[in-house]
Amino acid sequence: MTTTVIALILIVGTLTFAAGAFLAAEVATRILRRRERQLSEERKTLNAAWKYLREVYGVRKPGEKKTRR
């Protein structure tokens, strides 16, 4: 009887741990995807700003070599 109870407790504990780990992984994945999407939008905005500055004012990005035209 005691062995059965211990075995059931271990099984339930293992399943609970596995479910918690799965949920934590899902939450982390969603957070990372949302952050990745935000960074992508920010990158698009910055690239557009640099393009405008380059075309209108001839500004170069830091570290960008001067090209002959």
PDB file of N, CA and C in Angstrom:
ATOM      1  N   MET A   1       0.834  -1.201   0.000  1.00  0.00           N
ATOM      2  CA  MET A   1       0.000   0.000   0.000  1.00  0.00           C
ATOM      3  C   MET A   1       0.876   1.263   0.000  1.00  0.00           C
ATOM      4  N   THR A   2       1.858   1.294   0.903  1.00  0.00           N
ATOM      5  CA  THR A   2       2.738   2.456   1.005  1.00  0.00           C
ATOM      6  C   THR A   2       3.523   2.653  -0.286  1.00  0.00           C
ATOM      7  N   THR A   3       3.971   1.556  -0.880  1.00  0.00           N
ATOM      8  CA  THR A   3       4.736   1.626  -2.125  1.00  0.00           C
ATOM      9  C   THR A   3       3.877   2.215  -3.240  1.00  0.00           C
ATOM     10  N   THR A   4       2.630   1.823  -3.297  1.00  0.00           N
ATOM     11  CA  THR A   4       1.713   2.327  -4.317  1.00  0.00           C
ATOM     12  C   THR A   4       1.497   3.830  -4.149  1.00  0.00           C
ATOM     13  N   VAL A   5       1.311   4.268  -2.926  1.00  0.00           N
ATOM     14  CA  VAL A   5       1.101   5.694  -2.653  1.00  0.00           C
ATOM     15  C   VAL A   5       2.346   6.492  -3.051  1.00  0.00           C
ATOM     16  N   ILE A   6       3.501   5.994  -2.684  1.00  0.00           N
ATOM     17  CA  ILE A   6       4.752   6.678  -3.042  1.00  0.00           C
ATOM     18  C   ILE A   6       4.913   6.737  -4.558  1.00  0.00           C
ATOM     19  N   ALA A   7       4.625   5.641  -5.236  1.00  0.00           N
ATOM     20  CA  ALA A   7       4.740   5.601  -6.691  1.00  0.00           C
ATOM     21  C   ALA A   7       3.780   6.604  -7.331  1.00  0.00           C
ATOM     22  N   LEU A   8       2.545   6.662  -6.835  1.00  0.00           N
ATOM     23  CA  LEU A   8       1.574   7.618  -7.379  1.00  0.00           C
ATOM     24  C   LEU A   8       2.014   9.066  -7.137  1.00  0.00           C
ATOM     25  N   ILE A   9       2.539   9.329  -5.955  1.00  0.00           N
ATOM     26  CA  ILE A   9       3.026  10.684  -5.648  1.00  0.00           C
ATOM     27  C   ILE A   9       4.163  11.062  -6.594  1.00  0.00           C
ATOM     28  N   LEU A  10       5.077  10.138  -6.834  1.00  0.00           N
ATOM     29  CA  LEU A  10       6.189  10.406  -7.752  1.00  0.00           C
ATOM     30  C   LEU A  10       5.693  10.651  -9.175  1.00  0.00           C
ATOM     31  N   ILE A  11       4.731   9.862  -9.610  1.00  0.00           N
ATOM     32  CA  ILE A  11       4.184  10.023 -10.961  1.00  0.00           C
ATOM     33  C   ILE A  11       3.491  11.372 -11.094  1.00  0.00           C
ATOM     34  N   VAL A  12       2.666  11.723 -10.118  1.00  0.00           N
ATOM     35  CA  VAL A  12       1.954  13.000 -10.160  1.00  0.00           C
ATOM     36  C   VAL A  12       2.954  14.161 -10.107  1.00  0.00           C
ATOM     37  N   GLY A  13       3.975  14.048  -9.278  1.00  0.00           N
ATOM     38  CA  GLY A  13       4.992  15.094  -9.190  1.00  0.00           C
ATOM     39  C   GLY A  13       5.735  15.271 -10.493  1.00  0.00           C
ATOM     40  N   THR A  14       6.073  14.174 -11.130  1.00  0.00           N
ATOM     41  CA  THR A  14       6.774  14.221 -12.413  1.00  0.00           C
ATOM     42  C   THR A  14       5.909  14.873 -13.484  1.00  0.00           C
ATOM     43  N   LEU A  15       4.649  14.482 -13.542  1.00  0.00           N
ATOM     44  CA  LEU A  15       3.743  15.064 -14.531  1.00  0.00           C
ATOM     45  C   LEU A  15       3.527  16.553 -14.282  1.00  0.00           C
ATOM     46  N   THR A  16       3.425  16.941 -13.021  1.00  0.00           N
ATOM     47  CA  THR A  16       3.255  18.358 -12.687  1.00  0.00           C
ATOM     48  C   THR A  16       4.483  19.150 -13.093  1.00  0.00           C
ATOM     49  N   PHE A  17       5.659  18.603 -12.805  1.00  0.00           N
ATOM     50  CA  PHE A  17       6.907  19.273 -13.183  1.00  0.00           C
ATOM     51  C   PHE A  17       7.005  19.422 -14.695  1.00  0.00           C
ATOM     52  N   ALA A  18       6.666  18.357 -15.423  1.00  0.00           N
ATOM     53  CA  ALA A  18       6.738  18.397 -16.889  1.00  0.00           C
ATOM     54  C   ALA A  18       5.767  19.435 -17.454  1.00  0.00           C
ATOM     55  N   ALA A  19       4.573  19.502 -16.903  1.00  0.00           N
ATOM     56  CA  ALA A  19       3.595  20.480 -17.370  1.00  0.00           C
ATOM     57  C   ALA A  19       4.080  21.904 -17.086  1.00  0.00           C
ATOM     58  N   GLY A  20       4.654  22.120 -15.917  1.00  0.00           N
ATOM     59  CA  GLY A  20       5.180  23.440 -15.571  1.00  0.00           C
ATOM     60  C   GLY A  20       6.330  23.841 -16.483  1.00  0.00           C
ATOM     61  N   ALA A  21       7.211  22.907 -16.775  1.00  0.00           N
ATOM     62  CA  ALA A  21       8.333  23.194 -17.669  1.00  0.00           C
ATOM     63  C   ALA A  21       7.837  23.520 -19.075  1.00  0.00           C
ATOM     64  N   PHE A  22       6.835  22.798 -19.542  1.00  0.00           N
ATOM     65  CA  PHE A  22       6.262  23.050 -20.855  1.00  0.00           C
ATOM     66  C   PHE A  22       5.643  24.442 -20.918  1.00  0.00           C
ATOM     67  N   LEU A  23       4.871  24.801 -19.887  1.00  0.00           N
ATOM     68  CA  LEU A  23       4.247  26.125 -19.864  1.00  0.00           C
ATOM     69  C   LEU A  23       5.294  27.233 -19.804  1.00  0.00           C
ATOM     70  N   ALA A  24       6.336  27.032 -19.035  1.00  0.00           N
ATOM     71  CA  ALA A  24       7.410  28.033 -18.946  1.00  0.00           C
ATOM     72  C   ALA A  24       8.086  28.211 -20.306  1.00  0.00           C
ATOM     73  N   ALA A  25       8.303  27.121 -21.013  1.00  0.00           N
ATOM     74  CA  ALA A  25       8.923  27.198 -22.336  1.00  0.00           C
ATOM     75  C   ALA A  25       8.004  27.937 -23.318  1.00  0.00           C
ATOM     76  N   GLU A  26       6.713  27.690 -23.245  1.00  0.00           N
ATOM     77  CA  GLU A  26       5.757  28.372 -24.123  1.00  0.00           C
ATOM     78  C   GLU A  26       5.734  29.875 -23.848  1.00  0.00           C
ATOM     79  N   VAL A  27       5.722  30.246 -22.594  1.00  0.00           N
ATOM     80  CA  VAL A  27       5.713  31.669 -22.227  1.00  0.00           C
ATOM     81  C   VAL A  27       6.995  32.337 -22.704  1.00  0.00           C
ATOM     82  N   ALA A  28       8.126  31.683 -22.479  1.00  0.00           N
ATOM     83  CA  ALA A  28       9.406  32.250 -22.905  1.00  0.00           C
ATOM     84  C   ALA A  28       9.452  32.412 -24.422  1.00  0.00           C
ATOM     85  N   THR A  29       8.944  31.450 -25.161  1.00  0.00           N
ATOM     86  CA  THR A  29       8.925  31.520 -26.617  1.00  0.00           C
ATOM     87  C   THR A  29       8.072  32.685 -27.095  1.00  0.00           C
ATOM     88  N   ARG A  30       6.914  32.873 -26.477  1.00  0.00           N
ATOM     89  CA  ARG A  30       6.039  33.977 -26.876  1.00  0.00           C
ATOM     90  C   ARG A  30       6.681  35.325 -26.587  1.00  0.00           C
ATOM     91  N   ILE A  31       7.339  35.441 -25.439  1.00  0.00           N
ATOM     92  CA  ILE A  31       8.006  36.693 -25.083  1.00  0.00           C
ATOM     93  C   ILE A  31       9.128  36.986 -26.073  1.00  0.00           C
ATOM     94  N   LEU A  32       9.919  35.965 -26.403  1.00  0.00           N
ATOM     95  CA  LEU A  32      11.018  36.158 -27.350  1.00  0.00           C
ATOM     96  C   LEU A  32      10.516  36.531 -28.739  1.00  0.00           C
ATOM     97  N   ARG A  33       9.443  35.917 -29.184  1.00  0.00           N
ATOM     98  CA  ARG A  33       8.886  36.250 -30.502  1.00  0.00           C
ATOM     99  C   ARG A  33       8.366  37.682 -30.529  1.00  0.00           C
ATOM    100  N   ARG A  34       7.710  38.105 -29.436  1.00  0.00           N
ATOM    101  CA  ARG A  34       7.200  39.473 -29.379  1.00  0.00           C
ATOM    102  C   ARG A  34       8.357  40.476 -29.413  1.00  0.00           C
ATOM    103  N   ARG A  35       9.410  40.183 -28.651  1.00  0.00           N
ATOM    104  CA  ARG A  35      10.579  41.076 -28.627  1.00  0.00           C
ATOM    105  C   ARG A  35      11.267  41.113 -29.994  1.00  0.00           C
ATOM    106  N   GLU A  36      11.340  39.965 -30.643  1.00  0.00           N
ATOM    107  CA  GLU A  36      11.937  39.893 -31.977  1.00  0.00           C
ATOM    108  C   GLU A  36      11.141  40.738 -32.971  1.00  0.00           C
ATOM    109  N   ARG A  37       9.826  40.699 -32.867  1.00  0.00           N
ATOM    110  CA  ARG A  37       8.965  41.485 -33.739  1.00  0.00           C
ATOM    111  C   ARG A  37       9.174  42.985 -33.483  1.00  0.00           C
ATOM    112  N   GLN A  38       9.296  43.365 -32.211  1.00  0.00           N
ATOM    113  CA  GLN A  38       9.550  44.769 -31.866  1.00  0.00           C
ATOM    114  C   GLN A  38      10.895  45.233 -32.422  1.00  0.00           C
ATOM    115  N   LEU A  39      11.916  44.408 -32.278  1.00  0.00           N
ATOM    116  CA  LEU A  39      13.236  44.766 -32.796  1.00  0.00           C
ATOM    117  C   LEU A  39      13.225  44.898 -34.316  1.00  0.00           C
ATOM    118  N   SER A  40      12.472  44.043 -34.971  1.00  0.00           N
ATOM    119  CA  SER A  40      12.377  44.107 -36.422  1.00  0.00           C
ATOM    120  C   SER A  40      11.748  45.432 -36.862  1.00  0.00           C
ATOM    121  N   GLU A  41      10.690  45.846 -36.172  1.00  0.00           N
ATOM    122  CA  GLU A  41      10.049  47.117 -36.499  1.00  0.00           C
ATOM    123  C   GLU A  41      10.997  48.285 -36.228  1.00  0.00           C
ATOM    124  N   GLU A  42      11.706  48.218 -35.120  1.00  0.00           N
ATOM    125  CA  GLU A  42      12.662  49.275 -34.784  1.00  0.00           C
ATOM    126  C   GLU A  42      13.777  49.355 -35.834  1.00  0.00           C
ATOM    127  N   ARG A  43      14.254  48.198 -36.272  1.00  0.00           N
ATOM    128  CA  ARG A  43      15.303  48.147 -37.289  1.00  0.00           C
ATOM    129  C   ARG A  43      14.821  48.771 -38.604  1.00  0.00           C
ATOM    130  N   LYS A  44      13.578  48.482 -38.984  1.00  0.00           N
ATOM    131  CA  LYS A  44      13.019  49.065 -40.209  1.00  0.00           C
ATOM    132  C   LYS A  44      12.977  50.590 -40.104  1.00  0.00           C
ATOM    133  N   THR A  45      12.563  51.094 -38.947  1.00  0.00           N
ATOM    134  CA  THR A  45      12.488  52.535 -38.744  1.00  0.00           C
ATOM    135  C   THR A  45      13.871  53.174 -38.828  1.00  0.00           C
ATOM    136  N   LEU A  46      14.840  52.545 -38.161  1.00  0.00           N
ATOM    137  CA  LEU A  46      16.197  53.092 -38.179  1.00  0.00           C
ATOM    138  C   LEU A  46      16.811  53.052 -39.574  1.00  0.00           C
ATOM    139  N   ASN A  47      16.579  51.979 -40.294  1.00  0.00           N
ATOM    140  CA  ASN A  47      17.096  51.890 -41.659  1.00  0.00           C
ATOM    141  C   ASN A  47      16.483  52.965 -42.550  1.00  0.00           C
ATOM    142  N   ALA A  48      15.193  53.217 -42.374  1.00  0.00           N
ATOM    143  CA  ALA A  48      14.537  54.265 -43.159  1.00  0.00           C
ATOM    144  C   ALA A  48      15.110  55.635 -42.806  1.00  0.00           C
ATOM    145  N   ALA A  49      15.383  55.864 -41.513  1.00  0.00           N
ATOM    146  CA  ALA A  49      15.956  57.146 -41.091  1.00  0.00           C
ATOM    147  C   ALA A  49      17.348  57.334 -41.675  1.00  0.00           C
ATOM    148  N   TRP A  50      18.178  56.285 -41.630  1.00  0.00           N
ATOM    149  CA  TRP A  50      19.529  56.391 -42.206  1.00  0.00           C
ATOM    150  C   TRP A  50      19.452  56.636 -43.705  1.00  0.00           C
ATOM    151  N   LYS A  51      18.527  55.966 -44.375  1.00  0.00           N
ATOM    152  CA  LYS A  51      18.381  56.154 -45.818  1.00  0.00           C
ATOM    153  C   LYS A  51      18.022  57.606 -46.129  1.00  0.00           C
ATOM    154  N   TYR A  52      17.106  58.172 -45.363  1.00  0.00           N
ATOM    155  CA  TYR A  52      16.716  59.561 -45.558  1.00  0.00           C
ATOM    156  C   TYR A  52      17.901  60.497 -45.324  1.00  0.00           C
ATOM    157  N   LEU A  53      18.623  60.281 -44.207  1.00  0.00           N
ATOM    158  CA  LEU A  53      19.775  61.135 -43.900  1.00  0.00           C
ATOM    159  C   LEU A  53      20.855  61.031 -44.981  1.00  0.00           C
ATOM    160  N   ARG A  54      21.058  59.829 -45.490  1.00  0.00           N
ATOM    161  CA  ARG A  54      22.067  59.614 -46.525  1.00  0.00           C
ATOM    162  C   ARG A  54      21.673  60.322 -47.824  1.00  0.00           C
ATOM    163  N   GLU A  55      20.393  60.185 -48.204  1.00  0.00           N
ATOM    164  CA  GLU A  55      19.938  60.772 -49.461  1.00  0.00           C
ATOM    165  C   GLU A  55      19.856  62.298 -49.386  1.00  0.00           C
ATOM    166  N   VAL A  56      19.329  62.823 -48.291  1.00  0.00           N
ATOM    167  CA  VAL A  56      19.087  64.260 -48.200  1.00  0.00           C
ATOM    168  C   VAL A  56      20.339  65.024 -47.779  1.00  0.00           C
ATOM    169  N   TYR A  57      21.039  64.516 -46.757  1.00  0.00           N
ATOM    170  CA  TYR A  57      22.156  65.269 -46.195  1.00  0.00           C
ATOM    171  C   TYR A  57      23.531  64.651 -46.461  1.00  0.00           C
ATOM    172  N   GLY A  58      23.578  63.493 -47.043  1.00  0.00           N
ATOM    173  CA  GLY A  58      24.849  62.839 -47.322  1.00  0.00           C
ATOM    174  C   GLY A  58      25.531  62.296 -46.076  1.00  0.00           C
ATOM    175  N   VAL A  59      24.765  62.036 -45.028  1.00  0.00           N
ATOM    176  CA  VAL A  59      25.313  61.513 -43.769  1.00  0.00           C
ATOM    177  C   VAL A  59      25.641  60.038 -43.947  1.00  0.00           C
ATOM    178  N   ARG A  60      26.784  59.627 -43.386  1.00  0.00           N
ATOM    179  CA  ARG A  60      27.177  58.211 -43.451  1.00  0.00           C
ATOM    180  C   ARG A  60      26.996  57.571 -42.083  1.00  0.00           C
ATOM    181  N   LYS A  61      26.730  56.279 -42.101  1.00  0.00           N
ATOM    182  CA  LYS A  61      26.645  55.520 -40.849  1.00  0.00           C
ATOM    183  C   LYS A  61      28.037  55.458 -40.223  1.00  0.00           C
ATOM    184  N   PRO A  62      28.120  55.348 -38.887  1.00  0.00           N
ATOM    185  CA  PRO A  62      29.427  55.206 -38.253  1.00  0.00           C
ATOM    186  C   PRO A  62      30.153  53.972 -38.774  1.00  0.00           C
ATOM    187  N   GLY A  63      31.390  54.141 -39.182  1.00  0.00           N
ATOM    188  CA  GLY A  63      32.180  53.030 -39.688  1.00  0.00           C
ATOM    189  C   GLY A  63      32.008  52.775 -41.173  1.00  0.00           C
ATOM    190  N   GLU A  64      31.098  53.493 -41.803  1.00  0.00           N
ATOM    191  CA  GLU A  64      30.865  53.309 -43.238  1.00  0.00           C
ATOM    192  C   GLU A  64      31.940  54.057 -44.022  1.00  0.00           C
ATOM    193  N   LYS A  65      32.541  53.373 -44.986  1.00  0.00           N
ATOM    194  CA  LYS A  65      33.593  53.983 -45.782  1.00  0.00           C
ATOM    195  C   LYS A  65      33.007  54.916 -46.834  1.00  0.00           C
ATOM    196  N   LYS A  66      33.774  55.941 -47.153  1.00  0.00           N
ATOM    197  CA  LYS A  66      33.337  56.887 -48.151  1.00  0.00           C
ATOM    198  C   LYS A  66      33.500  56.255 -49.526  1.00  0.00           C
ATOM    199  N   THR A  67      32.456  56.335 -50.331  1.00  0.00           N
ATOM    200  CA  THR A  67      32.497  55.777 -51.689  1.00  0.00           C
ATOM    201  C   THR A  67      32.604  56.896 -52.690  1.00  0.00           C
ATOM    202  N   ARG A  68      33.311  56.626 -53.777  1.00  0.00           N
ATOM    203  CA  ARG A  68      33.446  57.616 -54.852  1.00  0.00           C
ATOM    204  C   ARG A  68      32.296  57.472 -55.821  1.00  0.00           C
ATOM    205  N   ARG A  69      31.761  58.613 -56.219  1.00  0.00           N
ATOM    206  CA  ARG A  69      30.663  58.590 -57.188  1.00  0.00           C
ATOM    207  C   ARG A  69      30.993  59.455 -58.359  1.00  0.00           C
TER     208      ARG A  69
END
